Amino acid sequence: MEFVGYVVKIGKCYFQQRSSFDYTICERFVDAKKITKLDYAKKIAEETGGVVKHLYVSDKKLDEYKE
């Protein structure tokens, strides 16, 4: 298992992107934005009422999740 970043979970959805002060969320985990900086993930979670989740993947799936 390897740590690859963070995602922000908002209820049953995930943070996907931010432009100005507009946020886009998605229902599918695979469409969620993988965030590499914890401070940024915490900021988005605070602004949206979400929670930060650590993202780990197995060696078999590692290439799919790396940016």
Protein backbone atom coordinates (compact mmCIF):
# COMPACT_ATOMS: atom_id res chain seq x y z
CA MET A 1 0.00 0.00 0.00
CA GLU A 2 1.22 3.48 -0.82
CA PHE A 3 -0.09 6.89 0.24
CA VAL A 4 -0.96 9.02 -2.81
CA GLY A 5 -2.84 12.01 -1.38
CA TYR A 6 -6.11 13.17 0.10
CA VAL A 7 -9.71 13.48 -1.01
CA VAL A 8 -12.42 15.62 0.59
CA LYS A 9 -15.67 13.80 1.27
CA ILE A 10 -18.79 15.95 1.54
CA GLY A 11 -21.68 13.82 2.74
CA LYS A 12 -22.01 11.06 0.14
CA CYS A 13 -20.11 13.07 -2.49
CA TYR A 14 -16.52 14.11 -3.13
CA PHE A 15 -14.83 17.41 -3.96
CA GLN A 16 -13.89 17.54 -7.65
CA GLN A 17 -12.73 21.09 -8.41
CA ARG A 18 -12.87 24.74 -7.42
CA SER A 19 -13.05 27.81 -9.62
CA SER A 20 -13.23 31.17 -7.85
CA PHE A 21 -15.65 30.38 -5.03
CA ASP A 22 -17.67 27.79 -6.92
CA TYR A 23 -17.18 24.14 -5.98
CA THR A 24 -17.91 21.12 -8.13
CA ILE A 25 -18.67 17.84 -6.40
CA CYS A 26 -19.08 14.35 -7.78
CA GLU A 27 -20.71 11.16 -6.60
CA ARG A 28 -18.04 8.74 -7.78
CA PHE A 29 -14.81 8.34 -5.83
CA VAL A 30 -12.79 7.83 -9.01
CA ASP A 31 -13.81 11.32 -10.21
CA ALA A 32 -12.70 13.02 -6.99
CA LYS A 33 -9.71 15.35 -7.05
CA LYS A 34 -6.63 13.78 -5.48
CA ILE A 35 -5.04 16.52 -3.34
CA THR A 36 -1.37 16.27 -2.38
CA LYS A 37 -1.17 19.08 0.21
CA LEU A 38 -2.86 18.49 3.56
CA ASP A 39 -3.32 22.22 4.27
CA TYR A 40 -5.25 22.68 1.01
CA ALA A 41 -7.40 19.61 1.71
CA LYS A 42 -8.20 20.93 5.21
CA LYS A 43 -9.12 24.35 3.79
CA ILE A 44 -11.52 22.84 1.23
CA ALA A 45 -13.04 20.59 3.91
CA GLU A 46 -13.56 23.56 6.24
CA GLU A 47 -15.14 25.69 3.49
CA THR A 48 -17.48 22.92 2.32
CA GLY A 49 -18.29 21.16 5.58
CA GLY A 50 -16.52 18.03 4.39
CA VAL A 51 -13.88 15.78 5.92
CA VAL A 52 -10.38 14.93 4.72
CA LYS A 53 -9.78 11.27 3.85
CA HIS A 54 -6.29 9.82 3.35
CA LEU A 55 -5.94 7.96 0.06
CA TYR A 56 -3.94 4.75 -0.10
CA VAL A 57 -3.82 2.36 -3.02
CA SER A 58 -2.44 -1.12 -3.49
CA ASP A 59 0.62 -1.69 -5.65
CA LYS A 60 -1.62 -3.22 -8.35
CA LYS A 61 -3.71 -0.04 -8.70
CA LEU A 62 -0.94 2.50 -8.06
CA ASP A 63 -0.44 3.59 -11.68
CA GLU A 64 -4.16 4.37 -12.05
CA TYR A 65 -4.17 6.92 -9.22
CA LYS A 66 -0.87 8.71 -9.69
CA GLU A 67 -1.14 12.02 -11.49
